[in-house]
C-alpha atoms as a PDB file:
ATOM      1  CA  UNK A   1     -78.799   7.226 -47.270  1.00  0.00           C
ATOM      2  CA  UNK A   2     -79.098   9.496 -44.241  1.00  0.00           C
ATOM      3  CA  UNK A   3     -76.698   9.418 -41.312  1.00  0.00           C
ATOM      4  CA  UNK A   4     -79.375   7.830 -39.144  1.00  0.00           C
ATOM      5  CA  UNK A   5     -79.993   5.061 -41.691  1.00  0.00           C
ATOM      6  CA  UNK A   6     -76.225   4.474 -42.013  1.00  0.00           C
ATOM      7  CA  UNK A   7     -75.831   4.077 -38.246  1.00  0.00           C
ATOM      8  CA  UNK A   8     -78.775   1.705 -37.980  1.00  0.00           C
ATOM      9  CA  UNK A   9     -77.555  -0.393 -40.934  1.00  0.00           C
ATOM     10  CA  UNK A  10     -73.990  -0.507 -39.629  1.00  0.00           C
ATOM     11  CA  UNK A  11     -74.724  -1.321 -36.011  1.00  0.00           C
ATOM     12  CA  UNK A  12     -78.216  -2.802 -36.025  1.00  0.00           C
ATOM     13  CA  UNK A  13     -78.757  -0.198 -33.352  1.00  0.00           C
ATOM     14  CA  UNK A  14     -81.181   2.518 -32.475  1.00  0.00           C
ATOM     15  CA  UNK A  15     -81.002   6.066 -31.255  1.00  0.00           C
ATOM     16  CA  UNK A  16     -82.240   6.128 -27.663  1.00  0.00           C
ATOM     17  CA  UNK A  17     -81.933   9.862 -26.967  1.00  0.00           C
ATOM     18  CA  UNK A  18     -79.838  12.760 -28.152  1.00  0.00           C
ATOM     19  CA  UNK A  19     -76.161  11.714 -28.092  1.00  0.00           C
ATOM     20  CA  UNK A  20     -77.017   8.146 -27.008  1.00  0.00           C
ATOM     21  CA  UNK A  21     -77.188   5.018 -29.200  1.00  0.00           C
ATOM     22  CA  UNK A  22     -77.957   1.364 -28.514  1.00  0.00           C
ATOM     23  CA  UNK A  23     -75.738  -0.976 -30.545  1.00  0.00           C
ATOM     24  CA  UNK A  24     -75.482  -4.747 -30.836  1.00  0.00           C
ATOM     25  CA  UNK A  25     -72.388  -6.510 -29.584  1.00  0.00           C
ATOM     26  CA  UNK A  26     -70.821  -9.507 -31.314  1.00  0.00           C
ATOM     27  CA  UNK A  27     -72.759 -11.990 -29.161  1.00  0.00           C
ATOM     28  CA  UNK A  28     -76.120 -10.229 -29.485  1.00  0.00           C
ATOM     29  CA  UNK A  29     -75.853  -8.228 -26.263  1.00  0.00           C
ATOM     30  CA  UNK A  30     -77.033  -4.636 -26.589  1.00  0.00           C
ATOM     31  CA  UNK A  31     -74.737  -1.847 -25.385  1.00  0.00           C
ATOM     32  CA  UNK A  32     -75.272   1.876 -24.967  1.00  0.00           C
ATOM     33  CA  UNK A  33     -72.784   4.277 -26.546  1.00  0.00           C
ATOM     34  CA  UNK A  34     -73.026   7.833 -25.304  1.00  0.00           C
ATOM     35  CA  UNK A  35     -71.374  11.074 -26.472  1.00  0.00           C
ATOM     36  CA  UNK A  36     -70.611  13.685 -23.821  1.00  0.00           C
ATOM     37  CA  UNK A  37     -70.470  17.017 -25.694  1.00  0.00           C
ATOM     38  CA  UNK A  38     -69.098  18.902 -22.677  1.00  0.00           C
ATOM     39  CA  UNK A  39     -66.067  16.613 -22.204  1.00  0.00           C
ATOM     40  CA  UNK A  40     -66.014  15.651 -25.910  1.00  0.00           C
ATOM     41  CA  UNK A  41     -65.666  11.895 -25.505  1.00  0.00           C
ATOM     42  CA  UNK A  42     -67.649   8.694 -25.962  1.00  0.00           C
ATOM     43  CA  UNK A  43     -68.440   6.049 -23.367  1.00  0.00           C
ATOM     44  CA  UNK A  44     -69.852   2.550 -23.775  1.00  0.00           C
ATOM     45  CA  UNK A  45     -71.487   0.020 -21.469  1.00  0.00           C
ATOM     46  CA  UNK A  46     -69.397  -2.935 -22.709  1.00  0.00           C
ATOM     47  CA  UNK A  47     -66.671  -4.712 -20.744  1.00  0.00           C
ATOM     48  CA  UNK A  48     -63.973  -3.627 -23.185  1.00  0.00           C
ATOM     49  CA  UNK A  49     -64.660   0.016 -22.464  1.00  0.00           C
ATOM     50  CA  UNK A  50     -64.726  -0.561 -18.712  1.00  0.00           C
ATOM     51  CA  UNK A  51     -61.232  -2.102 -18.808  1.00  0.00           C
ATOM     52  CA  UNK A  52     -59.506  -0.225 -21.664  1.00  0.00           C
ATOM     53  CA  UNK A  53     -61.548   2.988 -21.991  1.00  0.00           C
ATOM     54  CA  UNK A  54     -62.059   2.203 -25.685  1.00  0.00           C
ATOM     55  CA  UNK A  55     -63.945  -0.414 -27.673  1.00  0.00           C
ATOM     56  CA  UNK A  56     -64.945  -1.313 -31.219  1.00  0.00           C
ATOM     57  CA  UNK A  57     -68.477   0.041 -30.695  1.00  0.00           C
ATOM     58  CA  UNK A  58     -67.129   3.555 -30.114  1.00  0.00           C
ATOM     59  CA  UNK A  59     -64.494   3.252 -32.835  1.00  0.00           C
ATOM     60  CA  UNK A  60     -66.986   2.155 -35.484  1.00  0.00           C
ATOM     61  CA  UNK A  61     -69.599   4.729 -34.494  1.00  0.00           C
ATOM     62  CA  UNK A  62     -67.054   7.547 -34.419  1.00  0.00           C
ATOM     63  CA  UNK A  63     -65.549   6.494 -37.766  1.00  0.00           C
ATOM     64  CA  UNK A  64     -68.980   6.374 -39.406  1.00  0.00           C
ATOM     65  CA  UNK A  65     -69.636   9.962 -38.274  1.00  0.00           C
ATOM     66  CA  UNK A  66     -66.246  11.132 -39.547  1.00  0.00           C
ATOM     67  CA  UNK A  67     -66.748   9.486 -42.938  1.00  0.00           C
ATOM     68  CA  UNK A  68     -70.214  10.935 -43.261  1.00  0.00           C
ATOM     69  CA  UNK A  69     -69.166  14.484 -42.401  1.00  0.00           C
ATOM     70  CA  UNK A  70     -66.070  14.325 -44.664  1.00  0.00           C
ATOM     71  CA  UNK A  71     -68.297  13.262 -47.551  1.00  0.00           C
ATOM     72  CA  UNK A  72     -70.500  16.333 -47.016  1.00  0.00           C
ATOM     73  CA  UNK A  73     -67.535  18.741 -47.049  1.00  0.00           C
END
């Protein structure tokens, strides 16, 4: 399974553009998760991120990347 397939299976999401993904929230709402390579951090359009500066969408996406890249090493 490729990294792209893993992300889509895990999040029922889609890649919108480079470093930007659309993921499904728990109630069916779609959110955009974006990676800023210059500042090296994620952002998300969900309410949790707006209030806490972190959310499960970012955590799960980031963890899936880490697991994938550790497996390749």
